[in-house]
Amino acid sequence: MNINSNYWEERRRRQSLKRSKKEFDRLSNAISQAYRSFNASTDSAQMDACIYEINALRARRDGVLREIRKLE
């Protein structure tokens, strides 16, 4: 019974790790897009919005990275 329990626990850990890595990649791509929007913008309000978005995405990505490190 313990071996079976360990198997399912490891399987859940690997699945969580895979989901977290996908989320990390998605957030990294979103950050890149936000930087492109910032660089293309000439309006100061739009630039401020891009900065806010970049900071929010980076904070979320950092949280996901902490989760990945915990799972590895």
PDB file of N, CA and C in Angstrom:
ATOM      1  N   MET A   1       0.821  -1.193   0.000  1.00  0.00           N
ATOM      2  CA  MET A   1       0.000   0.000   0.000  1.00  0.00           C
ATOM      3  C   MET A   1       0.865   1.258   0.000  1.00  0.00           C
ATOM      4  N   ASN A   2       1.941   1.262   0.734  1.00  0.00           N
ATOM      5  CA  ASN A   2       2.828   2.421   0.814  1.00  0.00           C
ATOM      6  C   ASN A   2       3.510   2.694  -0.520  1.00  0.00           C
ATOM      7  N   ILE A   3       3.907   1.632  -1.226  1.00  0.00           N
ATOM      8  CA  ILE A   3       4.547   1.791  -2.535  1.00  0.00           C
ATOM      9  C   ILE A   3       3.576   2.437  -3.512  1.00  0.00           C
ATOM     10  N   ASN A   4       2.337   1.986  -3.496  1.00  0.00           N
ATOM     11  CA  ASN A   4       1.313   2.540  -4.364  1.00  0.00           C
ATOM     12  C   ASN A   4       1.070   4.011  -4.031  1.00  0.00           C
ATOM     13  N   SER A   5       1.049   4.332  -2.763  1.00  0.00           N
ATOM     14  CA  SER A   5       0.852   5.718  -2.321  1.00  0.00           C
ATOM     15  C   SER A   5       2.000   6.603  -2.802  1.00  0.00           C
ATOM     16  N   ASN A   6       3.214   6.098  -2.693  1.00  0.00           N
ATOM     17  CA  ASN A   6       4.383   6.854  -3.154  1.00  0.00           C
ATOM     18  C   ASN A   6       4.324   7.091  -4.659  1.00  0.00           C
ATOM     19  N   TYR A   7       3.868   6.096  -5.384  1.00  0.00           N
ATOM     20  CA  TYR A   7       3.744   6.229  -6.838  1.00  0.00           C
ATOM     21  C   TYR A   7       2.812   7.373  -7.196  1.00  0.00           C
ATOM     22  N   TRP A   8       1.624   7.402  -6.566  1.00  0.00           N
ATOM     23  CA  TRP A   8       0.649   8.438  -6.893  1.00  0.00           C
ATOM     24  C   TRP A   8       1.107   9.813  -6.422  1.00  0.00           C
ATOM     25  N   GLU A   9       1.799   9.847  -5.310  1.00  0.00           N
ATOM     26  CA  GLU A   9       2.334  11.126  -4.829  1.00  0.00           C
ATOM     27  C   GLU A   9       3.372  11.678  -5.803  1.00  0.00           C
ATOM     28  N   GLU A  10       4.263  10.816  -6.278  1.00  0.00           N
ATOM     29  CA  GLU A  10       5.283  11.234  -7.242  1.00  0.00           C
ATOM     30  C   GLU A  10       4.640  11.650  -8.562  1.00  0.00           C
ATOM     31  N   ARG A  11       3.632  10.932  -8.962  1.00  0.00           N
ATOM     32  CA  ARG A  11       2.932  11.277 -10.199  1.00  0.00           C
ATOM     33  C   ARG A  11       2.276  12.657 -10.091  1.00  0.00           C
ATOM     34  N   ARG A  12       1.618  12.949  -8.971  1.00  0.00           N
ATOM     35  CA  ARG A  12       1.014  14.274  -8.753  1.00  0.00           C
ATOM     36  C   ARG A  12       2.073  15.375  -8.741  1.00  0.00           C
ATOM     37  N   ARG A  13       3.228  15.076  -8.123  1.00  0.00           N
ATOM     38  CA  ARG A  13       4.312  16.054  -8.087  1.00  0.00           C
ATOM     39  C   ARG A  13       4.811  16.370  -9.494  1.00  0.00           C
ATOM     40  N   ARG A  14       5.003  15.322 -10.310  1.00  0.00           N
ATOM     41  CA  ARG A  14       5.460  15.528 -11.686  1.00  0.00           C
ATOM     42  C   ARG A  14       4.437  16.304 -12.514  1.00  0.00           C
ATOM     43  N   GLN A  15       3.159  16.009 -12.315  1.00  0.00           N
ATOM     44  CA  GLN A  15       2.112  16.732 -13.034  1.00  0.00           C
ATOM     45  C   GLN A  15       2.076  18.202 -12.621  1.00  0.00           C
ATOM     46  N   SER A  16       2.225  18.451 -11.332  1.00  0.00           N
ATOM     47  CA  SER A  16       2.253  19.836 -10.845  1.00  0.00           C
ATOM     48  C   SER A  16       3.455  20.581 -11.401  1.00  0.00           C
ATOM     49  N   LEU A  17       4.584  19.901 -11.442  1.00  0.00           N
ATOM     50  CA  LEU A  17       5.803  20.501 -11.984  1.00  0.00           C
ATOM     51  C   LEU A  17       5.622  20.840 -13.461  1.00  0.00           C
ATOM     52  N   LYS A  18       5.033  19.930 -14.202  1.00  0.00           N
ATOM     53  CA  LYS A  18       4.794  20.162 -15.632  1.00  0.00           C
ATOM     54  C   LYS A  18       3.866  21.355 -15.840  1.00  0.00           C
ATOM     55  N   ARG A  19       2.772  21.428 -15.061  1.00  0.00           N
ATOM     56  CA  ARG A  19       1.847  22.564 -15.169  1.00  0.00           C
ATOM     57  C   ARG A  19       2.536  23.877 -14.808  1.00  0.00           C
ATOM     58  N   SER A  20       3.355  23.844 -13.767  1.00  0.00           N
ATOM     59  CA  SER A  20       4.056  25.055 -13.337  1.00  0.00           C
ATOM     60  C   SER A  20       5.042  25.529 -14.404  1.00  0.00           C
ATOM     61  N   LYS A  21       5.736  24.594 -15.033  1.00  0.00           N
ATOM     62  CA  LYS A  21       6.685  24.980 -16.085  1.00  0.00           C
ATOM     63  C   LYS A  21       5.955  25.566 -17.291  1.00  0.00           C
ATOM     64  N   LYS A  22       4.782  25.022 -17.622  1.00  0.00           N
ATOM     65  CA  LYS A  22       3.982  25.591 -18.716  1.00  0.00           C
ATOM     66  C   LYS A  22       3.532  27.006 -18.375  1.00  0.00           C
ATOM     67  N   GLU A  23       3.112  27.197 -17.141  1.00  0.00           N
ATOM     68  CA  GLU A  23       2.675  28.518 -16.693  1.00  0.00           C
ATOM     69  C   GLU A  23       3.847  29.503 -16.709  1.00  0.00           C
ATOM     70  N   PHE A  24       5.020  29.042 -16.290  1.00  0.00           N
ATOM     71  CA  PHE A  24       6.216  29.887 -16.320  1.00  0.00           C
ATOM     72  C   PHE A  24       6.509  30.338 -17.744  1.00  0.00           C
ATOM     73  N   ASP A  25       6.444  29.417 -18.694  1.00  0.00           N
ATOM     74  CA  ASP A  25       6.694  29.757 -20.100  1.00  0.00           C
ATOM     75  C   ASP A  25       5.641  30.739 -20.621  1.00  0.00           C
ATOM     76  N   ARG A  26       4.375  30.506 -20.250  1.00  0.00           N
ATOM     77  CA  ARG A  26       3.301  31.396 -20.694  1.00  0.00           C
ATOM     78  C   ARG A  26       3.515  32.812 -20.139  1.00  0.00           C
ATOM     79  N   LEU A  27       3.888  32.903 -18.882  1.00  0.00           N
ATOM     80  CA  LEU A  27       4.123  34.216 -18.276  1.00  0.00           C
ATOM     81  C   LEU A  27       5.349  34.895 -18.889  1.00  0.00           C
ATOM     82  N   SER A  28       6.384  34.121 -19.183  1.00  0.00           N
ATOM     83  CA  SER A  28       7.572  34.694 -19.824  1.00  0.00           C
ATOM     84  C   SER A  28       7.226  35.272 -21.196  1.00  0.00           C
ATOM     85  N   ASN A  29       6.400  34.554 -21.939  1.00  0.00           N
ATOM     86  CA  ASN A  29       5.960  35.057 -23.247  1.00  0.00           C
ATOM     87  C   ASN A  29       5.113  36.323 -23.093  1.00  0.00           C
ATOM     88  N   ALA A  30       4.261  36.344 -22.090  1.00  0.00           N
ATOM     89  CA  ALA A  30       3.426  37.522 -21.851  1.00  0.00           C
ATOM     90  C   ALA A  30       4.289  38.726 -21.468  1.00  0.00           C
ATOM     91  N   ILE A  31       5.338  38.498 -20.711  1.00  0.00           N
ATOM     92  CA  ILE A  31       6.259  39.582 -20.345  1.00  0.00           C
ATOM     93  C   ILE A  31       6.949  40.124 -21.594  1.00  0.00           C
ATOM     94  N   SER A  32       7.384  39.235 -22.458  1.00  0.00           N
ATOM     95  CA  SER A  32       8.028  39.662 -23.709  1.00  0.00           C
ATOM     96  C   SER A  32       7.075  40.508 -24.542  1.00  0.00           C
ATOM     97  N   GLN A  33       5.823  40.083 -24.614  1.00  0.00           N
ATOM     98  CA  GLN A  33       4.818  40.845 -25.362  1.00  0.00           C
ATOM     99  C   GLN A  33       4.581  42.213 -24.723  1.00  0.00           C
ATOM    100  N   ALA A  34       4.549  42.264 -23.407  1.00  0.00           N
ATOM    101  CA  ALA A  34       4.346  43.538 -22.720  1.00  0.00           C
ATOM    102  C   ALA A  34       5.523  44.483 -22.972  1.00  0.00           C
ATOM    103  N   TYR A  35       6.736  43.938 -23.001  1.00  0.00           N
ATOM    104  CA  TYR A  35       7.904  44.765 -23.328  1.00  0.00           C
ATOM    105  C   TYR A  35       7.821  45.289 -24.761  1.00  0.00           C
ATOM    106  N   ARG A  36       7.359  44.443 -25.684  1.00  0.00           N
ATOM    107  CA  ARG A  36       7.210  44.901 -27.071  1.00  0.00           C
ATOM    108  C   ARG A  36       6.177  46.031 -27.155  1.00  0.00           C
ATOM    109  N   SER A  37       5.085  45.883 -26.419  1.00  0.00           N
ATOM    110  CA  SER A  37       4.060  46.929 -26.396  1.00  0.00           C
ATOM    111  C   SER A  37       4.625  48.218 -25.810  1.00  0.00           C
ATOM    112  N   PHE A  38       5.404  48.082 -24.749  1.00  0.00           N
ATOM    113  CA  PHE A  38       6.018  49.256 -24.128  1.00  0.00           C
ATOM    114  C   PHE A  38       6.944  49.961 -25.117  1.00  0.00           C
ATOM    115  N   ASN A  39       7.777  49.183 -25.794  1.00  0.00           N
ATOM    116  CA  ASN A  39       8.738  49.771 -26.732  1.00  0.00           C
ATOM    117  C   ASN A  39       8.060  50.418 -27.928  1.00  0.00           C
ATOM    118  N   ALA A  40       6.889  49.939 -28.289  1.00  0.00           N
ATOM    119  CA  ALA A  40       6.173  50.486 -29.443  1.00  0.00           C
ATOM    120  C   ALA A  40       5.285  51.671 -29.075  1.00  0.00           C
ATOM    121  N   SER A  41       5.098  51.884 -27.790  1.00  0.00           N
ATOM    122  CA  SER A  41       4.163  52.920 -27.336  1.00  0.00           C
ATOM    123  C   SER A  41       4.813  54.296 -27.326  1.00  0.00           C
ATOM    124  N   THR A  42       3.999  55.309 -27.645  1.00  0.00           N
ATOM    125  CA  THR A  42       4.450  56.700 -27.552  1.00  0.00           C
ATOM    126  C   THR A  42       3.623  57.477 -26.538  1.00  0.00           C
ATOM    127  N   ASP A  43       2.502  56.916 -26.125  1.00  0.00           N
ATOM    128  CA  ASP A  43       1.608  57.564 -25.164  1.00  0.00           C
ATOM    129  C   ASP A  43       2.064  57.232 -23.739  1.00  0.00           C
ATOM    130  N   SER A  44       2.203  58.249 -22.906  1.00  0.00           N
ATOM    131  CA  SER A  44       2.719  58.023 -21.547  1.00  0.00           C
ATOM    132  C   SER A  44       1.761  57.165 -20.710  1.00  0.00           C
ATOM    133  N   ALA A  45       0.462  57.322 -20.902  1.00  0.00           N
ATOM    134  CA  ALA A  45      -0.495  56.502 -20.155  1.00  0.00           C
ATOM    135  C   ALA A  45      -0.371  55.036 -20.552  1.00  0.00           C
ATOM    136  N   GLN A  46      -0.191  54.796 -21.835  1.00  0.00           N
ATOM    137  CA  GLN A  46      -0.008  53.419 -22.306  1.00  0.00           C
ATOM    138  C   GLN A  46       1.300  52.846 -21.777  1.00  0.00           C
ATOM    139  N   MET A  47       2.333  53.648 -21.720  1.00  0.00           N
ATOM    140  CA  MET A  47       3.613  53.194 -21.172  1.00  0.00           C
ATOM    141  C   MET A  47       3.469  52.822 -19.701  1.00  0.00           C
ATOM    142  N   ASP A  48       2.748  53.647 -18.949  1.00  0.00           N
ATOM    143  CA  ASP A  48       2.505  53.352 -17.536  1.00  0.00           C
ATOM    144  C   ASP A  48       1.754  52.040 -17.381  1.00  0.00           C
ATOM    145  N   ALA A  49       0.759  51.812 -18.232  1.00  0.00           N
ATOM    146  CA  ALA A  49      -0.009  50.567 -18.182  1.00  0.00           C
ATOM    147  C   ALA A  49       0.893  49.373 -18.487  1.00  0.00           C
ATOM    148  N   CYS A  50       1.786  49.517 -19.435  1.00  0.00           N
ATOM    149  CA  CYS A  50       2.723  48.437 -19.772  1.00  0.00           C
ATOM    150  C   CYS A  50       3.657  48.138 -18.602  1.00  0.00           C
ATOM    151  N   ILE A  51       4.133  49.191 -17.951  1.00  0.00           N
ATOM    152  CA  ILE A  51       5.019  49.005 -16.800  1.00  0.00           C
ATOM    153  C   ILE A  51       4.287  48.254 -15.690  1.00  0.00           C
ATOM    154  N   TYR A  52       3.041  48.659 -15.432  1.00  0.00           N
ATOM    155  CA  TYR A  52       2.240  47.983 -14.418  1.00  0.00           C
ATOM    156  C   TYR A  52       2.055  46.509 -14.783  1.00  0.00           C
ATOM    157  N   GLU A  53       1.737  46.238 -16.036  1.00  0.00           N
ATOM    158  CA  GLU A  53       1.532  44.868 -16.492  1.00  0.00           C
ATOM    159  C   GLU A  53       2.816  44.052 -16.378  1.00  0.00           C
ATOM    160  N   ILE A  54       3.931  44.627 -16.774  1.00  0.00           N
ATOM    161  CA  ILE A  54       5.216  43.934 -16.693  1.00  0.00           C
ATOM    162  C   ILE A  54       5.526  43.564 -15.244  1.00  0.00           C
ATOM    163  N   ASN A  55       5.344  44.518 -14.340  1.00  0.00           N
ATOM    164  CA  ASN A  55       5.631  44.245 -12.922  1.00  0.00           C
ATOM    165  C   ASN A  55       4.710  43.163 -12.362  1.00  0.00           C
ATOM    166  N   ALA A  56       3.427  43.196 -12.729  1.00  0.00           N
ATOM    167  CA  ALA A  56       2.485  42.187 -12.247  1.00  0.00           C
ATOM    168  C   ALA A  56       2.847  40.811 -12.798  1.00  0.00           C
ATOM    169  N   LEU A  57       3.169  40.741 -14.073  1.00  0.00           N
ATOM    170  CA  LEU A  57       3.536  39.462 -14.686  1.00  0.00           C
ATOM    171  C   LEU A  57       4.823  38.903 -14.090  1.00  0.00           C
ATOM    172  N   ARG A  58       5.780  39.787 -13.838  1.00  0.00           N
ATOM    173  CA  ARG A  58       7.045  39.343 -13.250  1.00  0.00           C
ATOM    174  C   ARG A  58       6.829  38.795 -11.841  1.00  0.00           C
ATOM    175  N   ALA A  59       5.945  39.439 -11.076  1.00  0.00           N
ATOM    176  CA  ALA A  59       5.653  38.958  -9.721  1.00  0.00           C
ATOM    177  C   ALA A  59       4.998  37.578  -9.781  1.00  0.00           C
ATOM    178  N   ARG A  60       4.067  37.393 -10.708  1.00  0.00           N
ATOM    179  CA  ARG A  60       3.422  36.088 -10.861  1.00  0.00           C
ATOM    180  C   ARG A  60       4.428  35.039 -11.309  1.00  0.00           C
ATOM    181  N   ARG A  61       5.292  35.407 -12.258  1.00  0.00           N
ATOM    182  CA  ARG A  61       6.303  34.462 -12.748  1.00  0.00           C
ATOM    183  C   ARG A  61       7.270  34.081 -11.625  1.00  0.00           C
ATOM    184  N   ASP A  62       7.655  35.038 -10.789  1.00  0.00           N
ATOM    185  CA  ASP A  62       8.544  34.740  -9.666  1.00  0.00           C
ATOM    186  C   ASP A  62       7.895  33.762  -8.686  1.00  0.00           C
ATOM    187  N   GLY A  63       6.583  33.912  -8.472  1.00  0.00           N
ATOM    188  CA  GLY A  63       5.871  32.975  -7.608  1.00  0.00           C
ATOM    189  C   GLY A  63       5.852  31.576  -8.182  1.00  0.00           C
ATOM    190  N   VAL A  64       5.645  31.476  -9.481  1.00  0.00           N
ATOM    191  CA  VAL A  64       5.651  30.172 -10.149  1.00  0.00           C
ATOM    192  C   VAL A  64       7.053  29.572 -10.089  1.00  0.00           C
ATOM    193  N   LEU A  65       8.075  30.386 -10.234  1.00  0.00           N
ATOM    194  CA  LEU A  65       9.447  29.888 -10.160  1.00  0.00           C
ATOM    195  C   LEU A  65       9.743  29.327  -8.767  1.00  0.00           C
ATOM    196  N   ARG A  66       9.263  29.998  -7.724  1.00  0.00           N
ATOM    197  CA  ARG A  66       9.446  29.472  -6.373  1.00  0.00           C
ATOM    198  C   ARG A  66       8.760  28.112  -6.227  1.00  0.00           C
ATOM    199  N   GLU A  67       7.588  27.982  -6.810  1.00  0.00           N
ATOM    200  CA  GLU A  67       6.860  26.711  -6.766  1.00  0.00           C
ATOM    201  C   GLU A  67       7.631  25.620  -7.514  1.00  0.00           C
ATOM    202  N   ILE A  68       8.180  25.950  -8.665  1.00  0.00           N
ATOM    203  CA  ILE A  68       8.969  24.977  -9.431  1.00  0.00           C
ATOM    204  C   ILE A  68      10.166  24.507  -8.628  1.00  0.00           C
ATOM    205  N   ARG A  69      10.853  25.426  -8.021  1.00  0.00           N
ATOM    206  CA  ARG A  69      12.038  25.062  -7.233  1.00  0.00           C
ATOM    207  C   ARG A  69      11.665  24.174  -6.054  1.00  0.00           C
ATOM    208  N   LYS A  70      10.513  24.412  -5.466  1.00  0.00           N
ATOM    209  CA  LYS A  70      10.045  23.592  -4.358  1.00  0.00           C
ATOM    210  C   LYS A  70       9.706  22.172  -4.826  1.00  0.00           C
ATOM    211  N   LEU A  71       9.186  22.050  -6.035  1.00  0.00           N
ATOM    212  CA  LEU A  71       8.769  20.749  -6.560  1.00  0.00           C
ATOM    213  C   LEU A  71       9.935  19.919  -7.108  1.00  0.00           C
ATOM    214  N   GLU A  72      11.016  20.587  -7.491  1.00  0.00           N
ATOM    215  CA  GLU A  72      12.143  19.841  -8.082  1.00  0.00           C
ATOM    216  C   GLU A  72      13.009  19.170  -7.052  1.00  0.00           C
TER     217      GLU A  72
END
